[in-house]
């Protein structure tokens, strides 16, 4: 299938998906969400593909998250049922995805990486859930997944402050599995993918089936739906409108707490 905003490449049992809007740091808008959803659907259905790698085009960004400029221009079209990047609310995919984080992963970009199964970061990578700085929240599973992976206290501090952490700190806090040299990133991700293709694909699927079931037993899908309800309420506030507008105008927001 041909895509406009992502690239896909297959090699043996491995699929590589590249977020391909480097001119906006691979920020995701509606059409890109749906292209990614289609790509993950195709990955799930292809019996010859066992493992995927997800990365970003360019040297600066894995993904800057939600395209706020598109939002400010009225581009809040519906997201696929499978969530941000077609991935954050997908609980039926039984194949592992490796995030090769080649630069900064902010907001929805970080949430996309957290929705993958293994995170390998370039030494240049940076991570943040900065939504509170623009009047928003990490509604695409960042609140839920980060608190599960690194513990609630550490996650709360990051989510409440919106601060950015570098790759070494991310590794220390348990947000990523490994940090490698920037020029070694894709080779490291490929090596990990080949390692996963050397084991039983049926056993991999069975393992992830149990992990998906655990997430559902922990009510993660319901919590994500609740996040959407909260965002719907938040979007009616003056602070939400101000946050998006200030971001577009590159100025400090004037919060009014209503």
Protein backbone atom coordinates (compact mmCIF):
# COMPACT_ATOMS: atom_id res chain seq x y z
CA UNK A 1 0.00 0.00 0.00
CA UNK A 2 1.18 3.52 -0.81
CA UNK A 3 1.25 6.13 1.97
CA UNK A 4 1.77 9.89 2.00
CA UNK A 5 2.83 10.53 5.59
CA UNK A 6 4.58 7.30 6.58
CA UNK A 7 6.99 4.91 4.89
CA UNK A 8 6.95 1.12 5.21
CA UNK A 9 9.63 -1.39 4.30
CA UNK A 10 9.69 -5.16 4.72
CA UNK A 11 12.77 -7.34 4.95
CA UNK A 12 12.19 -10.98 5.73
CA UNK A 13 9.93 -11.21 8.77
CA UNK A 14 10.56 -7.59 9.83
CA UNK A 15 8.46 -4.52 9.01
CA UNK A 16 9.94 -1.04 9.43
CA UNK A 17 7.51 1.88 9.71
CA UNK A 18 8.90 5.41 9.49
CA UNK A 19 6.94 8.49 10.55
CA UNK A 20 7.58 10.72 7.55
CA UNK A 21 6.74 14.37 8.21
CA UNK A 22 10.22 15.62 9.15
CA UNK A 23 9.32 19.20 8.21
CA UNK A 24 7.04 19.29 11.30
CA UNK A 25 9.18 16.92 13.39
CA UNK A 26 6.89 14.01 12.48
CA UNK A 27 3.93 15.54 14.30
CA UNK A 28 0.78 13.50 13.76
CA UNK A 29 -2.41 14.83 12.20
CA UNK A 30 -5.64 13.07 11.27
CA UNK A 31 -4.55 11.59 7.95
CA UNK A 32 -1.33 10.28 9.46
CA UNK A 33 -3.23 8.63 12.34
CA UNK A 34 -5.33 6.73 9.82
CA UNK A 35 -2.37 5.77 7.65
CA UNK A 36 -0.66 4.30 10.70
CA UNK A 37 -3.82 2.45 11.71
CA UNK A 38 -3.95 0.91 8.23
CA UNK A 39 -0.28 -0.05 8.41
CA UNK A 40 -0.72 -1.79 11.77
CA UNK A 41 -3.82 -3.57 10.46
CA UNK A 42 -1.80 -4.85 7.51
CA UNK A 43 1.07 -5.88 9.82
CA UNK A 44 -1.34 -7.84 12.01
CA UNK A 45 -2.84 -9.64 9.02
CA UNK A 46 0.43 -10.59 7.29
CA UNK A 47 1.49 -14.06 8.46
CA UNK A 48 5.00 -13.50 7.10
CA UNK A 49 5.65 -10.42 9.29
CA UNK A 50 6.56 -11.23 12.88
CA UNK A 51 8.17 -8.06 14.30
CA UNK A 52 7.97 -4.33 13.52
CA UNK A 53 10.30 -1.38 14.07
CA UNK A 54 8.86 2.13 14.38
CA UNK A 55 11.09 5.17 13.93
CA UNK A 56 10.99 8.77 12.69
CA UNK A 57 12.38 10.46 9.59
CA UNK A 58 15.23 12.91 10.05
CA UNK A 59 17.86 13.31 12.75
CA UNK A 60 15.97 15.53 15.19
CA UNK A 61 12.64 13.96 16.06
CA UNK A 62 11.03 10.60 16.57
CA UNK A 63 7.69 12.37 16.89
CA UNK A 64 6.66 15.79 18.22
CA UNK A 65 3.22 14.44 19.12
CA UNK A 66 -0.07 16.00 18.13
CA UNK A 67 0.11 18.53 15.31
CA UNK A 68 -1.09 21.55 17.30
CA UNK A 69 -0.95 23.84 14.28
CA UNK A 70 -3.44 21.56 12.54
CA UNK A 71 -5.52 21.61 15.73
CA UNK A 72 -5.48 25.40 15.82
CA UNK A 73 -6.63 25.48 12.21
CA UNK A 74 -9.64 23.34 13.03
CA UNK A 75 -8.09 20.01 12.12
CA UNK A 76 -9.51 18.00 15.04
CA UNK A 77 -10.86 15.17 12.88
CA UNK A 78 -11.75 11.84 14.39
CA UNK A 79 -8.95 9.54 15.46
CA UNK A 80 -9.06 5.84 14.56
CA UNK A 81 -10.55 3.48 17.15
CA UNK A 82 -7.05 2.12 17.70
CA UNK A 83 -5.96 5.48 19.11
CA UNK A 84 -3.06 7.89 18.64
CA UNK A 85 -0.80 6.73 15.79
CA UNK A 86 -3.26 3.88 15.32
CA UNK A 87 -1.57 2.22 18.26
CA UNK A 88 -2.29 3.56 21.76
CA UNK A 89 -5.71 1.91 22.06
CA UNK A 90 -4.91 -1.23 20.10
CA UNK A 91 -5.23 -4.28 22.35
CA UNK A 92 -5.55 -7.03 19.74
CA UNK A 93 -2.13 -6.84 18.06
CA UNK A 94 -0.18 -9.97 19.01
CA UNK A 95 3.15 -9.08 17.42
CA UNK A 96 5.91 -7.02 19.09
CA UNK A 97 6.83 -3.51 17.98
CA UNK A 98 10.25 -1.99 18.70
CA UNK A 99 10.40 1.80 18.99
CA UNK A 100 13.69 3.14 17.64
CA UNK A 101 13.59 6.62 19.15
CA UNK A 102 15.93 8.68 16.98
CA UNK A 103 15.30 12.13 18.51
CA UNK A 104 12.85 13.89 20.76
CA UNK A 105 9.61 12.10 21.60
CA UNK A 106 7.14 14.60 22.98
CA UNK A 107 3.54 14.25 24.08
CA UNK A 108 1.75 11.92 21.72
CA UNK A 109 5.13 10.98 20.26
CA UNK A 110 6.25 9.68 23.65
CA UNK A 111 2.87 8.00 24.11
CA UNK A 112 3.32 6.28 20.75
CA UNK A 113 6.70 4.95 21.87
CA UNK A 114 5.23 3.80 25.19
CA UNK A 115 2.58 1.86 23.28
CA UNK A 116 5.38 -0.17 21.66
CA UNK A 117 6.85 -3.23 23.37
CA UNK A 118 10.57 -2.46 23.42
CA UNK A 119 12.10 1.04 23.40
CA UNK A 120 15.63 1.60 22.11
CA UNK A 121 16.78 5.22 22.23
CA UNK A 122 19.46 7.18 20.49
CA UNK A 123 21.80 9.03 22.83
CA UNK A 124 20.21 12.20 21.41
CA UNK A 125 16.66 11.20 22.34
CA UNK A 126 14.62 13.29 24.74
CA UNK A 127 11.28 12.46 26.33
CA UNK A 128 8.45 14.53 27.78
CA UNK A 129 4.72 14.71 28.35
CA UNK A 130 4.49 18.52 28.06
CA UNK A 131 0.74 18.72 27.43
CA UNK A 132 0.05 20.72 30.61
CA UNK A 133 2.17 23.53 29.15
CA UNK A 134 -0.38 24.00 26.37
CA UNK A 135 -3.55 23.41 28.39
CA UNK A 136 -3.87 19.73 27.53
CA UNK A 137 -3.27 16.33 29.19
CA UNK A 138 -1.45 13.16 28.14
CA UNK A 139 -4.72 11.54 27.10
CA UNK A 140 -3.32 9.03 24.61
CA UNK A 141 -2.18 6.60 27.32
CA UNK A 142 0.78 8.60 28.66
CA UNK A 143 -0.79 9.01 32.09
CA UNK A 144 -1.62 5.34 32.33
CA UNK A 145 1.43 3.74 30.74
CA UNK A 146 4.17 5.95 32.17
CA UNK A 147 2.83 5.50 35.71
CA UNK A 148 2.78 1.73 35.16
CA UNK A 149 6.32 1.59 33.78
CA UNK A 150 8.28 3.90 36.07
CA UNK A 151 6.00 4.18 39.12
CA UNK A 152 3.37 6.70 40.00
CA UNK A 153 5.47 9.24 41.92
CA UNK A 154 8.10 9.67 39.21
CA UNK A 155 5.45 9.75 36.51
CA UNK A 156 3.31 12.32 38.32
CA UNK A 157 6.26 14.70 38.62
CA UNK A 158 6.92 14.46 34.88
CA UNK A 159 3.25 14.83 33.93
CA UNK A 160 2.54 17.70 36.32
CA UNK A 161 5.66 19.68 35.34
CA UNK A 162 5.91 18.71 31.67
CA UNK A 163 9.68 18.55 32.04
CA UNK A 164 11.99 16.92 29.51
CA UNK A 165 14.41 14.11 30.35
CA UNK A 166 17.39 13.02 28.29
CA UNK A 167 18.09 9.49 27.11
CA UNK A 168 20.45 8.60 29.97
CA UNK A 169 17.87 9.72 32.55
CA UNK A 170 15.14 7.85 30.70
CA UNK A 171 17.19 4.66 30.92
CA UNK A 172 17.86 5.21 34.62
CA UNK A 173 14.15 5.77 35.30
CA UNK A 174 13.12 2.68 33.34
CA UNK A 175 11.39 4.41 30.39
CA UNK A 176 13.56 2.73 27.76
CA UNK A 177 15.27 -0.64 27.42
CA UNK A 178 18.56 0.61 26.00
CA UNK A 179 20.42 3.72 24.84
CA UNK A 180 22.87 3.49 21.93
CA UNK A 181 24.94 5.85 19.82
CA UNK A 182 22.86 7.87 17.40
CA UNK A 183 24.44 6.32 14.31
CA UNK A 184 24.00 2.82 15.77
CA UNK A 185 20.29 3.12 16.52
CA UNK A 186 18.75 1.40 13.52
CA UNK A 187 21.37 -1.35 13.58
CA UNK A 188 20.57 -1.95 17.25
CA UNK A 189 16.83 -2.00 16.57
CA UNK A 190 17.36 -4.34 13.65
CA UNK A 191 19.51 -6.66 15.78
CA UNK A 192 16.81 -6.79 18.42
CA UNK A 193 14.16 -7.48 15.78
CA UNK A 194 16.27 -10.32 14.35
CA UNK A 195 16.67 -11.70 17.85
CA UNK A 196 12.89 -11.76 18.21
CA UNK A 197 12.47 -13.48 14.84
CA UNK A 198 14.78 -16.26 16.03
CA UNK A 199 12.25 -17.44 18.63
CA UNK A 200 8.87 -19.03 18.05
CA UNK A 201 6.46 -16.51 16.47
CA UNK A 202 3.57 -18.53 17.90
CA UNK A 203 5.04 -18.19 21.38
CA UNK A 204 5.58 -14.46 20.86
CA UNK A 205 1.95 -14.04 19.88
CA UNK A 206 0.81 -16.09 22.86
CA UNK A 207 2.94 -14.00 25.22
CA UNK A 208 1.58 -10.74 23.87
CA UNK A 209 -1.96 -12.12 23.98
CA UNK A 210 -1.53 -12.55 27.73
CA UNK A 211 -0.01 -9.06 28.06
CA UNK A 212 -2.98 -7.60 26.14
CA UNK A 213 -5.33 -9.48 28.44
CA UNK A 214 -3.52 -8.11 31.49
CA UNK A 215 -3.97 -4.56 30.20
CA UNK A 216 -7.68 -5.16 29.77
CA UNK A 217 -8.03 -6.79 33.19
CA UNK A 218 -6.35 -3.68 34.62
CA UNK A 219 -9.06 -1.62 32.86
CA UNK A 220 -6.61 0.25 30.64
CA UNK A 221 -9.08 0.48 27.72
CA UNK A 222 -11.75 1.92 30.02
CA UNK A 223 -9.27 4.40 31.50
CA UNK A 224 -8.33 5.59 28.02
CA UNK A 225 -11.97 6.12 27.14
CA UNK A 226 -12.33 8.13 30.34
CA UNK A 227 -9.33 10.23 29.29
CA UNK A 228 -11.24 11.13 26.14
CA UNK A 229 -14.21 12.26 28.24
CA UNK A 230 -11.90 14.44 30.34
CA UNK A 231 -10.34 15.93 27.21
CA UNK A 232 -13.80 16.70 25.84
CA UNK A 233 -14.51 18.71 28.99
CA UNK A 234 -11.06 20.30 28.98
CA UNK A 235 -11.46 21.41 25.36
CA UNK A 236 -14.34 23.66 26.42
CA UNK A 237 -12.14 25.69 28.78
CA UNK A 238 -10.53 29.04 28.06
CA UNK A 239 -7.18 27.62 29.16
CA UNK A 240 -7.28 24.95 26.45
CA UNK A 241 -7.99 27.50 23.73
CA UNK A 242 -5.32 29.81 25.10
CA UNK A 243 -2.72 27.05 25.34
CA UNK A 244 -3.08 26.01 21.72
CA UNK A 245 -3.15 29.61 20.48
CA UNK A 246 -0.09 30.58 22.52
CA UNK A 247 1.81 27.60 21.13
CA UNK A 248 1.00 28.59 17.56
CA UNK A 249 1.93 32.21 18.27
CA UNK A 250 5.11 31.14 20.11
CA UNK A 251 4.33 33.11 23.25
CA UNK A 252 3.79 32.40 26.92
CA UNK A 253 0.19 31.41 27.72
CA UNK A 254 -1.99 33.66 29.85
CA UNK A 255 -3.82 31.16 32.06
CA UNK A 256 -7.18 32.17 33.57
CA UNK A 257 -8.09 28.88 35.33
CA UNK A 258 -11.46 28.54 33.63
